[in-house]
Amino acid sequence: MQQDSVWKEAIEIYFQEFMEFFFPEIAKDIDFEKGYEFLDKELEKVTKDAEIGKRLADILVKVYLRDGSEKWLLIHIEVQGYYDRDLPKRMFIYNYRIFDRYGVDVVSLAAILADDVKSFKADRYERVY
């Protein structure tokens, strides 16, 4: 989808500004001078066979923190005008698949939720039995 590539390209070009605007608490811990790496191929390997709904733009990026450690950030961009109850599940699945395949802890972030359900936050995934 062309809209996907526009969002991904904008975030890649303005990654530091994007993080500082949407996730200022996380951005302050990132050492942007050490650079960062977008991991499109790694993300593609864990999502290509996933039947977990429509993805608008999901971005996996490796960053370095000010303490010298490496961290992977999985950023979910959902620019749509409707509530997507499957977003927390999709975030959980991607996070687990990345951990399972690469053995790396991942910080999952959701940004730009444009639905009109103000109370919805994709902050956890729970299964109710």
N, C-alpha and C. Protein backbone atom coordinates (compact mmCIF):
# COMPACT_ATOMS: atom_id res chain seq x y z
N MET A 1 0.85 -1.17 0.00
CA MET A 1 0.00 0.00 0.00
C MET A 1 0.89 1.24 0.00
N GLN A 2 0.61 2.19 -0.84
CA GLN A 2 1.44 3.37 -0.98
C GLN A 2 1.45 4.19 0.30
N GLN A 3 0.32 4.24 1.00
CA GLN A 3 0.25 4.99 2.25
C GLN A 3 1.24 4.42 3.27
N ASP A 4 1.43 3.11 3.28
CA ASP A 4 2.40 2.48 4.17
C ASP A 4 3.79 3.05 3.95
N SER A 5 4.21 3.08 2.71
CA SER A 5 5.57 3.51 2.41
C SER A 5 5.78 4.99 2.73
N VAL A 6 4.74 5.79 2.60
CA VAL A 6 4.87 7.21 2.94
C VAL A 6 5.13 7.37 4.43
N TRP A 7 4.37 6.67 5.26
CA TRP A 7 4.58 6.75 6.72
C TRP A 7 5.94 6.21 7.10
N LYS A 8 6.32 5.08 6.55
CA LYS A 8 7.62 4.49 6.88
C LYS A 8 8.76 5.41 6.46
N GLU A 9 8.65 5.97 5.27
CA GLU A 9 9.70 6.87 4.78
C GLU A 9 9.80 8.12 5.66
N ALA A 10 8.67 8.67 6.05
CA ALA A 10 8.68 9.87 6.90
C ALA A 10 9.33 9.56 8.25
N ILE A 11 9.01 8.42 8.82
CA ILE A 11 9.58 8.06 10.11
C ILE A 11 11.08 7.79 9.98
N GLU A 12 11.48 7.15 8.89
CA GLU A 12 12.91 6.90 8.70
C GLU A 12 13.68 8.21 8.56
N ILE A 13 13.12 9.18 7.84
CA ILE A 13 13.79 10.46 7.64
C ILE A 13 13.81 11.28 8.93
N TYR A 14 12.71 11.26 9.67
CA TYR A 14 12.57 12.09 10.88
C TYR A 14 12.47 11.24 12.14
N PHE A 15 13.25 10.17 12.20
CA PHE A 15 13.12 9.23 13.32
C PHE A 15 13.33 9.91 14.67
N GLN A 16 14.39 10.67 14.82
CA GLN A 16 14.66 11.31 16.10
C GLN A 16 13.52 12.24 16.48
N GLU A 17 13.06 13.06 15.54
CA GLU A 17 11.96 13.99 15.82
C GLU A 17 10.67 13.22 16.14
N PHE A 18 10.43 12.13 15.42
CA PHE A 18 9.26 11.30 15.67
C PHE A 18 9.27 10.78 17.10
N MET A 19 10.40 10.23 17.52
CA MET A 19 10.51 9.68 18.87
C MET A 19 10.39 10.78 19.92
N GLU A 20 11.01 11.92 19.68
CA GLU A 20 10.94 13.01 20.65
C GLU A 20 9.52 13.55 20.80
N PHE A 21 8.75 13.55 19.71
CA PHE A 21 7.38 14.06 19.77
C PHE A 21 6.43 13.04 20.40
N PHE A 22 6.45 11.79 19.92
CA PHE A 22 5.48 10.79 20.37
C PHE A 22 5.90 10.05 21.63
N PHE A 23 7.20 9.88 21.84
CA PHE A 23 7.70 9.10 22.97
C PHE A 23 8.87 9.82 23.64
N PRO A 24 8.64 11.01 24.19
CA PRO A 24 9.75 11.80 24.74
C PRO A 24 10.50 11.11 25.88
N GLU A 25 9.81 10.33 26.70
CA GLU A 25 10.48 9.64 27.81
C GLU A 25 11.44 8.57 27.30
N ILE A 26 11.09 7.91 26.22
CA ILE A 26 11.97 6.90 25.63
C ILE A 26 13.08 7.59 24.85
N ALA A 27 12.75 8.64 24.13
CA ALA A 27 13.74 9.34 23.30
C ALA A 27 14.89 9.88 24.13
N LYS A 28 14.61 10.31 25.34
CA LYS A 28 15.69 10.88 26.16
C LYS A 28 16.74 9.83 26.54
N ASP A 29 16.38 8.55 26.47
CA ASP A 29 17.33 7.48 26.79
C ASP A 29 18.11 6.99 25.57
N ILE A 30 17.71 7.41 24.37
CA ILE A 30 18.36 6.95 23.14
C ILE A 30 19.55 7.85 22.82
N ASP A 31 20.66 7.22 22.48
CA ASP A 31 21.85 7.96 22.04
C ASP A 31 21.78 8.06 20.52
N PHE A 32 21.14 9.10 20.01
CA PHE A 32 20.94 9.26 18.57
C PHE A 32 22.26 9.47 17.84
N GLU A 33 23.28 9.94 18.53
CA GLU A 33 24.58 10.15 17.88
C GLU A 33 25.25 8.83 17.49
N LYS A 34 24.89 7.74 18.17
CA LYS A 34 25.43 6.42 17.81
C LYS A 34 24.72 5.83 16.60
N GLY A 35 23.68 6.48 16.18
CA GLY A 35 22.93 6.00 15.02
C GLY A 35 21.87 4.99 15.40
N TYR A 36 21.17 4.51 14.41
CA TYR A 36 20.12 3.52 14.58
C TYR A 36 19.97 2.80 13.26
N GLU A 37 19.35 1.63 13.31
CA GLU A 37 19.24 0.80 12.11
C GLU A 37 17.81 0.28 11.98
N PHE A 38 17.21 0.49 10.83
CA PHE A 38 15.88 -0.05 10.56
C PHE A 38 16.02 -1.50 10.12
N LEU A 39 15.25 -2.38 10.73
CA LEU A 39 15.38 -3.81 10.53
C LEU A 39 14.20 -4.37 9.74
N ASP A 40 14.00 -3.86 8.54
CA ASP A 40 12.87 -4.28 7.70
C ASP A 40 12.89 -5.78 7.40
N LYS A 41 14.05 -6.31 7.06
CA LYS A 41 14.14 -7.73 6.70
C LYS A 41 13.82 -8.62 7.89
N GLU A 42 14.30 -8.24 9.07
CA GLU A 42 14.02 -9.03 10.27
C GLU A 42 12.53 -9.01 10.60
N LEU A 43 11.90 -7.85 10.47
CA LEU A 43 10.46 -7.75 10.75
C LEU A 43 9.67 -8.54 9.72
N GLU A 44 10.08 -8.46 8.47
CA GLU A 44 9.38 -9.19 7.41
C GLU A 44 9.38 -10.70 7.69
N LYS A 45 10.47 -11.22 8.23
CA LYS A 45 10.57 -12.65 8.51
C LYS A 45 9.56 -13.12 9.55
N VAL A 46 9.19 -12.26 10.48
CA VAL A 46 8.25 -12.68 11.52
C VAL A 46 6.81 -12.31 11.20
N THR A 47 6.59 -11.46 10.19
CA THR A 47 5.23 -11.03 9.90
C THR A 47 4.67 -11.58 8.60
N LYS A 48 5.50 -12.07 7.70
CA LYS A 48 5.00 -12.45 6.38
C LYS A 48 4.00 -13.58 6.41
N ASP A 49 4.13 -14.50 7.36
CA ASP A 49 3.20 -15.62 7.41
C ASP A 49 2.15 -15.44 8.51
N ALA A 50 2.11 -14.27 9.11
CA ALA A 50 1.18 -14.03 10.20
C ALA A 50 -0.19 -13.65 9.65
N GLU A 51 -1.18 -14.38 10.06
CA GLU A 51 -2.55 -14.05 9.68
C GLU A 51 -3.19 -13.32 10.85
N ILE A 52 -2.73 -12.10 11.07
CA ILE A 52 -3.20 -11.37 12.25
C ILE A 52 -3.74 -10.00 11.89
N GLY A 53 -4.31 -9.90 10.74
CA GLY A 53 -5.00 -8.67 10.39
C GLY A 53 -4.16 -7.70 9.58
N LYS A 54 -4.80 -6.62 9.22
CA LYS A 54 -4.21 -5.58 8.39
C LYS A 54 -3.12 -4.84 9.15
N ARG A 55 -1.98 -4.69 8.50
CA ARG A 55 -0.89 -3.89 9.05
C ARG A 55 -0.80 -2.62 8.23
N LEU A 56 -0.80 -1.49 8.88
CA LEU A 56 -0.59 -0.27 8.11
C LEU A 56 0.90 -0.02 7.99
N ALA A 57 1.56 0.26 9.07
CA ALA A 57 3.01 0.45 9.01
C ALA A 57 3.59 0.00 10.33
N ASP A 58 4.35 -1.05 10.29
CA ASP A 58 5.06 -1.51 11.46
C ASP A 58 6.54 -1.39 11.15
N ILE A 59 7.26 -0.84 12.11
CA ILE A 59 8.66 -0.54 11.90
C ILE A 59 9.46 -1.15 13.05
N LEU A 60 10.53 -1.84 12.72
CA LEU A 60 11.44 -2.38 13.72
C LEU A 60 12.76 -1.65 13.56
N VAL A 61 13.24 -1.08 14.65
CA VAL A 61 14.47 -0.29 14.58
C VAL A 61 15.36 -0.62 15.77
N LYS A 62 16.64 -0.79 15.51
CA LYS A 62 17.62 -1.02 16.56
C LYS A 62 18.22 0.32 16.95
N VAL A 63 18.19 0.61 18.24
CA VAL A 63 18.77 1.85 18.75
C VAL A 63 19.79 1.52 19.84
N TYR A 64 20.60 2.50 20.17
CA TYR A 64 21.55 2.38 21.27
C TYR A 64 21.15 3.37 22.34
N LEU A 65 21.15 2.90 23.57
CA LEU A 65 20.77 3.75 24.68
C LEU A 65 22.00 4.48 25.22
N ARG A 66 21.75 5.50 25.98
CA ARG A 66 22.85 6.30 26.56
C ARG A 66 23.73 5.47 27.48
N ASP A 67 23.18 4.39 28.05
CA ASP A 67 24.00 3.53 28.91
C ASP A 67 24.86 2.55 28.10
N GLY A 68 24.79 2.64 26.75
CA GLY A 68 25.60 1.81 25.88
C GLY A 68 24.93 0.53 25.42
N SER A 69 23.78 0.19 25.99
CA SER A 69 23.10 -1.03 25.60
C SER A 69 22.33 -0.86 24.30
N GLU A 70 22.03 -1.98 23.68
CA GLU A 70 21.27 -2.01 22.43
C GLU A 70 19.83 -2.38 22.76
N LYS A 71 18.87 -1.77 22.06
CA LYS A 71 17.46 -2.07 22.27
C LYS A 71 16.76 -2.06 20.92
N TRP A 72 15.82 -2.97 20.74
CA TRP A 72 15.01 -2.99 19.53
C TRP A 72 13.66 -2.38 19.87
N LEU A 73 13.19 -1.49 19.01
CA LEU A 73 11.88 -0.86 19.18
C LEU A 73 10.98 -1.32 18.04
N LEU A 74 9.80 -1.81 18.38
CA LEU A 74 8.81 -2.18 17.39
C LEU A 74 7.73 -1.11 17.45
N ILE A 75 7.61 -0.34 16.38
CA ILE A 75 6.68 0.80 16.35
C ILE A 75 5.50 0.45 15.45
N HIS A 76 4.32 0.51 16.01
CA HIS A 76 3.08 0.22 15.26
C HIS A 76 2.41 1.55 14.95
N ILE A 77 2.19 1.80 13.67
CA ILE A 77 1.51 3.01 13.24
C ILE A 77 0.12 2.60 12.76
N GLU A 78 -0.90 3.11 13.40
CA GLU A 78 -2.27 2.79 13.02
C GLU A 78 -2.99 4.10 12.72
N VAL A 79 -2.99 4.50 11.48
CA VAL A 79 -3.69 5.71 11.07
C VAL A 79 -4.96 5.27 10.36
N GLN A 80 -6.00 5.15 11.14
CA GLN A 80 -7.27 4.70 10.60
C GLN A 80 -8.36 5.32 11.46
N GLY A 81 -9.51 5.49 10.90
CA GLY A 81 -10.59 6.15 11.60
C GLY A 81 -11.50 5.22 12.37
N TYR A 82 -11.06 4.00 12.60
CA TYR A 82 -11.92 3.07 13.31
C TYR A 82 -11.11 2.31 14.37
N TYR A 83 -11.81 1.87 15.38
CA TYR A 83 -11.25 1.11 16.49
C TYR A 83 -10.80 -0.25 16.00
N ASP A 84 -9.60 -0.64 16.34
CA ASP A 84 -9.06 -1.96 15.95
C ASP A 84 -8.76 -2.74 17.22
N ARG A 85 -9.69 -3.56 17.63
CA ARG A 85 -9.52 -4.30 18.88
C ARG A 85 -8.40 -5.33 18.80
N ASP A 86 -7.95 -5.67 17.59
CA ASP A 86 -6.89 -6.66 17.43
C ASP A 86 -5.48 -6.07 17.55
N LEU A 87 -5.35 -4.75 17.67
CA LEU A 87 -4.03 -4.13 17.74
C LEU A 87 -3.19 -4.67 18.91
N PRO A 88 -3.70 -4.73 20.14
CA PRO A 88 -2.87 -5.26 21.22
C PRO A 88 -2.43 -6.71 20.97
N LYS A 89 -3.31 -7.51 20.40
CA LYS A 89 -2.94 -8.90 20.10
C LYS A 89 -1.84 -8.94 19.04
N ARG A 90 -1.98 -8.13 18.01
CA ARG A 90 -0.98 -8.10 16.94
C ARG A 90 0.37 -7.64 17.50
N MET A 91 0.34 -6.64 18.38
CA MET A 91 1.57 -6.16 19.00
C MET A 91 2.23 -7.28 19.82
N PHE A 92 1.43 -8.01 20.57
CA PHE A 92 1.94 -9.11 21.38
C PHE A 92 2.58 -10.19 20.49
N ILE A 93 1.88 -10.56 19.42
CA ILE A 93 2.38 -11.61 18.53
C ILE A 93 3.69 -11.19 17.87
N TYR A 94 3.76 -10.00 17.35
CA TYR A 94 5.01 -9.53 16.73
C TYR A 94 6.14 -9.52 17.76
N ASN A 95 5.84 -9.00 18.94
CA ASN A 95 6.86 -8.92 19.98
C ASN A 95 7.39 -10.31 20.30
N TYR A 96 6.49 -11.26 20.52
CA TYR A 96 6.91 -12.61 20.86
C TYR A 96 7.70 -13.26 19.71
N ARG A 97 7.23 -13.09 18.49
CA ARG A 97 7.92 -13.71 17.35
C ARG A 97 9.33 -13.15 17.17
N ILE A 98 9.49 -11.87 17.40
CA ILE A 98 10.83 -11.28 17.30
C ILE A 98 11.72 -11.85 18.41
N PHE A 99 11.18 -11.92 19.63
CA PHE A 99 11.95 -12.49 20.72
C PHE A 99 12.31 -13.96 20.44
N ASP A 100 11.33 -14.72 19.97
CA ASP A 100 11.54 -16.14 19.71
C ASP A 100 12.59 -16.36 18.61
N ARG A 101 12.54 -15.57 17.57
CA ARG A 101 13.45 -15.76 16.43
C ARG A 101 14.85 -15.20 16.68
N TYR A 102 14.93 -14.04 17.34
CA TYR A 102 16.21 -13.35 17.47
C TYR A 102 16.75 -13.31 18.90
N GLY A 103 15.94 -13.71 19.88
CA GLY A 103 16.38 -13.69 21.27
C GLY A 103 16.63 -12.29 21.81
N VAL A 104 15.92 -11.32 21.29
CA VAL A 104 16.11 -9.92 21.67
C VAL A 104 14.83 -9.40 22.31
N ASP A 105 14.97 -8.76 23.46
CA ASP A 105 13.82 -8.11 24.07
C ASP A 105 13.43 -6.91 23.22
N VAL A 106 12.14 -6.72 23.04
CA VAL A 106 11.64 -5.67 22.17
C VAL A 106 10.71 -4.76 22.95
N VAL A 107 10.84 -3.47 22.74
CA VAL A 107 9.91 -2.49 23.30
C VAL A 107 8.88 -2.20 22.21
N SER A 108 7.62 -2.53 22.48
CA SER A 108 6.55 -2.29 21.50
C SER A 108 5.86 -0.97 21.80
N LEU A 109 5.76 -0.13 20.77
CA LEU A 109 5.16 1.19 20.91
C LEU A 109 4.04 1.34 19.88
N ALA A 110 2.92 1.93 20.29
CA ALA A 110 1.83 2.22 19.36
C ALA A 110 1.72 3.73 19.24
N ALA A 111 1.64 4.20 18.02
CA ALA A 111 1.56 5.64 17.79
C ALA A 111 0.51 5.94 16.75
N ILE A 112 -0.05 7.13 16.83
CA ILE A 112 -1.00 7.66 15.86
C ILE A 112 -2.23 6.76 15.74
N LEU A 113 -2.93 6.59 16.84
CA LEU A 113 -4.20 5.89 16.83
C LEU A 113 -5.27 6.94 16.53
N ALA A 114 -5.90 6.85 15.37
CA ALA A 114 -6.80 7.91 14.91
C ALA A 114 -8.28 7.58 15.06
N ASP A 115 -8.61 6.51 15.77
CA ASP A 115 -10.02 6.20 15.94
C ASP A 115 -10.64 7.17 16.94
N ASP A 116 -11.97 7.11 17.08
CA ASP A 116 -12.65 8.05 17.96
C ASP A 116 -12.98 7.47 19.33
N VAL A 117 -12.37 6.34 19.68
CA VAL A 117 -12.56 5.72 20.99
C VAL A 117 -11.45 6.26 21.91
N LYS A 118 -11.74 7.35 22.59
CA LYS A 118 -10.71 8.03 23.39
C LYS A 118 -10.18 7.18 24.52
N SER A 119 -10.97 6.24 25.01
CA SER A 119 -10.53 5.41 26.13
C SER A 119 -9.61 4.27 25.70
N PHE A 120 -9.51 4.00 24.40
CA PHE A 120 -8.70 2.87 23.93
C PHE A 120 -7.22 3.23 23.91
N LYS A 121 -6.44 2.40 24.56
CA LYS A 121 -4.98 2.50 24.51
C LYS A 121 -4.46 1.09 24.31
N ALA A 122 -3.59 0.91 23.36
CA ALA A 122 -3.03 -0.41 23.09
C ALA A 122 -1.86 -0.64 24.05
N ASP A 123 -2.17 -0.69 25.35
CA ASP A 123 -1.11 -0.78 26.34
C ASP A 123 -0.91 -2.17 26.92
N ARG A 124 -1.77 -3.11 26.56
CA ARG A 124 -1.59 -4.49 27.04
C ARG A 124 -2.46 -5.43 26.24
N TYR A 125 -2.03 -6.68 26.24
CA TYR A 125 -2.83 -7.73 25.63
C TYR A 125 -3.13 -8.75 26.70
N GLU A 126 -4.40 -9.07 26.87
CA GLU A 126 -4.81 -10.05 27.87
C GLU A 126 -5.77 -11.02 27.21
N ARG A 127 -5.62 -12.28 27.59
CA ARG A 127 -6.59 -13.29 27.16
C ARG A 127 -7.47 -13.60 28.34
N VAL A 128 -8.76 -13.53 28.12
CA VAL A 128 -9.71 -13.81 29.19
C VAL A 128 -10.27 -15.21 28.95
N TYR A 129 -10.17 -16.03 29.96
CA TYR A 129 -10.64 -17.42 29.83
C TYR A 129 -11.95 -17.60 30.53
